[in-house]
C-alpha atoms as a PDB file:
ATOM      1  CA  MET A   1     -39.898   6.992 -10.349  1.00  0.00           C
ATOM      2  CA  LEU A   2     -42.075   4.828  -8.175  1.00  0.00           C
ATOM      3  CA  TYR A   3     -42.903   1.473  -9.824  1.00  0.00           C
ATOM      4  CA  GLN A   4     -40.883   2.344 -12.948  1.00  0.00           C
ATOM      5  CA  PHE A   5     -37.903   0.329 -14.088  1.00  0.00           C
ATOM      6  CA  THR A   6     -36.375   0.274 -17.551  1.00  0.00           C
ATOM      7  CA  ILE A   7     -33.274  -1.113 -19.191  1.00  0.00           C
ATOM      8  CA  PRO A   8     -32.839   1.037 -22.291  1.00  0.00           C
ATOM      9  CA  ALA A   9     -30.812  -0.143 -25.280  1.00  0.00           C
ATOM     10  CA  TYR A  10     -27.741   1.967 -25.945  1.00  0.00           C
ATOM     11  CA  TYR A  11     -25.682   2.001 -29.124  1.00  0.00           C
ATOM     12  CA  ASN A  12     -22.520   3.637 -27.742  1.00  0.00           C
ATOM     13  CA  ARG A  13     -20.554   3.196 -24.535  1.00  0.00           C
ATOM     14  CA  GLY A  14     -21.181   5.457 -21.567  1.00  0.00           C
ATOM     15  CA  THR A  15     -22.477   5.890 -18.046  1.00  0.00           C
ATOM     16  CA  GLN A  16     -25.929   6.697 -16.719  1.00  0.00           C
ATOM     17  CA  THR A  17     -26.541   7.972 -13.182  1.00  0.00           C
ATOM     18  CA  TYR A  18     -29.844   8.509 -11.346  1.00  0.00           C
ATOM     19  CA  LEU A  19     -30.775  10.522  -8.294  1.00  0.00           C
ATOM     20  CA  THR A  20     -34.242   9.792  -6.909  1.00  0.00           C
ATOM     21  CA  VAL A  21     -35.855  11.863  -4.147  1.00  0.00           C
ATOM     22  CA  ARG A  22     -39.125  11.332  -2.321  1.00  0.00           C
ATOM     23  CA  TYR A  23     -40.761  14.169  -0.409  1.00  0.00           C
ATOM     24  CA  LYS A  24     -43.801  13.621   1.808  1.00  0.00           C
ATOM     25  CA  ILE A  25     -46.085  16.634   1.595  1.00  0.00           C
ATOM     26  CA  ARG A  26     -48.574  15.290   4.113  1.00  0.00           C
ATOM     27  CA  ARG A  27     -50.148  11.972   5.038  1.00  0.00           C
ATOM     28  CA  GLY A  28     -51.219  10.220   1.843  1.00  0.00           C
ATOM     29  CA  VAL A  29     -49.489  12.630  -0.569  1.00  0.00           C
ATOM     30  CA  ASP A  30     -45.893  12.399  -1.697  1.00  0.00           C
ATOM     31  CA  VAL A  31     -43.794  13.688  -4.600  1.00  0.00           C
ATOM     32  CA  TRP A  32     -41.097  11.704  -6.400  1.00  0.00           C
ATOM     33  CA  LEU A  33     -38.374  13.439  -8.407  1.00  0.00           C
ATOM     34  CA  ARG A  34     -35.754  11.778 -10.593  1.00  0.00           C
ATOM     35  CA  TYR A  35     -32.716  13.394 -12.168  1.00  0.00           C
ATOM     36  CA  ALA A  36     -30.843  11.319 -14.750  1.00  0.00           C
ATOM     37  CA  LEU A  37     -27.481  12.178 -16.289  1.00  0.00           C
ATOM     38  CA  THR A  38     -26.072  10.182 -19.210  1.00  0.00           C
ATOM     39  CA  TYR A  39     -22.501  10.508 -20.510  1.00  0.00           C
ATOM     40  CA  TYR A  40     -21.452   8.905 -23.793  1.00  0.00           C
ATOM     41  CA  ASP A  41     -17.815   8.059 -24.622  1.00  0.00           C
ATOM     42  CA  ASN A  42     -16.343   9.286 -27.945  1.00  0.00           C
ATOM     43  CA  VAL A  43     -19.608  10.909 -29.162  1.00  0.00           C
ATOM     44  CA  ASP A  44     -20.062  14.556 -30.155  1.00  0.00           C
ATOM     45  CA  VAL A  45     -23.773  14.423 -31.111  1.00  0.00           C
ATOM     46  CA  ILE A  46     -26.545  12.400 -29.460  1.00  0.00           C
ATOM     47  CA  SER A  47     -29.588  11.236 -31.465  1.00  0.00           C
ATOM     48  CA  ALA A  48     -30.796  12.848 -34.714  1.00  0.00           C
ATOM     49  CA  GLY A  49     -33.536  15.060 -36.092  1.00  0.00           C
ATOM     50  CA  LEU A  50     -35.616  17.066 -33.631  1.00  0.00           C
ATOM     51  CA  GLU A  51     -34.174  15.134 -30.672  1.00  0.00           C
ATOM     52  CA  GLN A  52     -30.545  15.880 -31.592  1.00  0.00           C
ATOM     53  CA  ILE A  53     -28.304  17.067 -28.740  1.00  0.00           C
ATOM     54  CA  GLN A  54     -24.929  18.712 -29.345  1.00  0.00           C
ATOM     55  CA  GLY A  55     -22.414  17.278 -26.882  1.00  0.00           C
ATOM     56  CA  ASN A  56     -21.684  13.980 -25.171  1.00  0.00           C
ATOM     57  CA  HIS A  57     -24.168  14.141 -22.275  1.00  0.00           C
ATOM     58  CA  LYS A  58     -27.876  14.575 -21.707  1.00  0.00           C
ATOM     59  CA  GLN A  59     -29.963  15.384 -18.653  1.00  0.00           C
ATOM     60  CA  GLU A  60     -33.504  14.368 -17.794  1.00  0.00           C
ATOM     61  CA  ILE A  61     -35.852  15.395 -14.986  1.00  0.00           C
ATOM     62  CA  LYS A  62     -39.108  13.602 -14.149  1.00  0.00           C
ATOM     63  CA  ALA A  63     -41.689  14.202 -11.432  1.00  0.00           C
ATOM     64  CA  GLN A  64     -44.537  12.126 -10.036  1.00  0.00           C
ATOM     65  CA  VAL A  65     -47.202  12.951  -7.454  1.00  0.00           C
ATOM     66  CA  ARG A  66     -48.838  10.070  -5.597  1.00  0.00           C
ATOM     67  CA  PHE A  67     -52.135  10.228  -3.716  1.00  0.00           C
ATOM     68  CA  LYS A  68     -52.991   7.374  -1.344  1.00  0.00           C
ATOM     69  CA  PHE A  69     -56.547   6.899  -0.105  1.00  0.00           C
END
């Protein structure tokens, strides 16, 4: 996303890939979309509790709308 940068701490080994897209709706308004895909090596379950994911990968989609005056 625009102005967002993080370096998350990971416990296992894996790969994380991002795809970021910006779309200008009109002058002063644009939309940012980010798709993230994370693969973990040698893991069958990611996280625990209510955030538990069965499998070795997770997907994330974020959106941001920016208005410039």
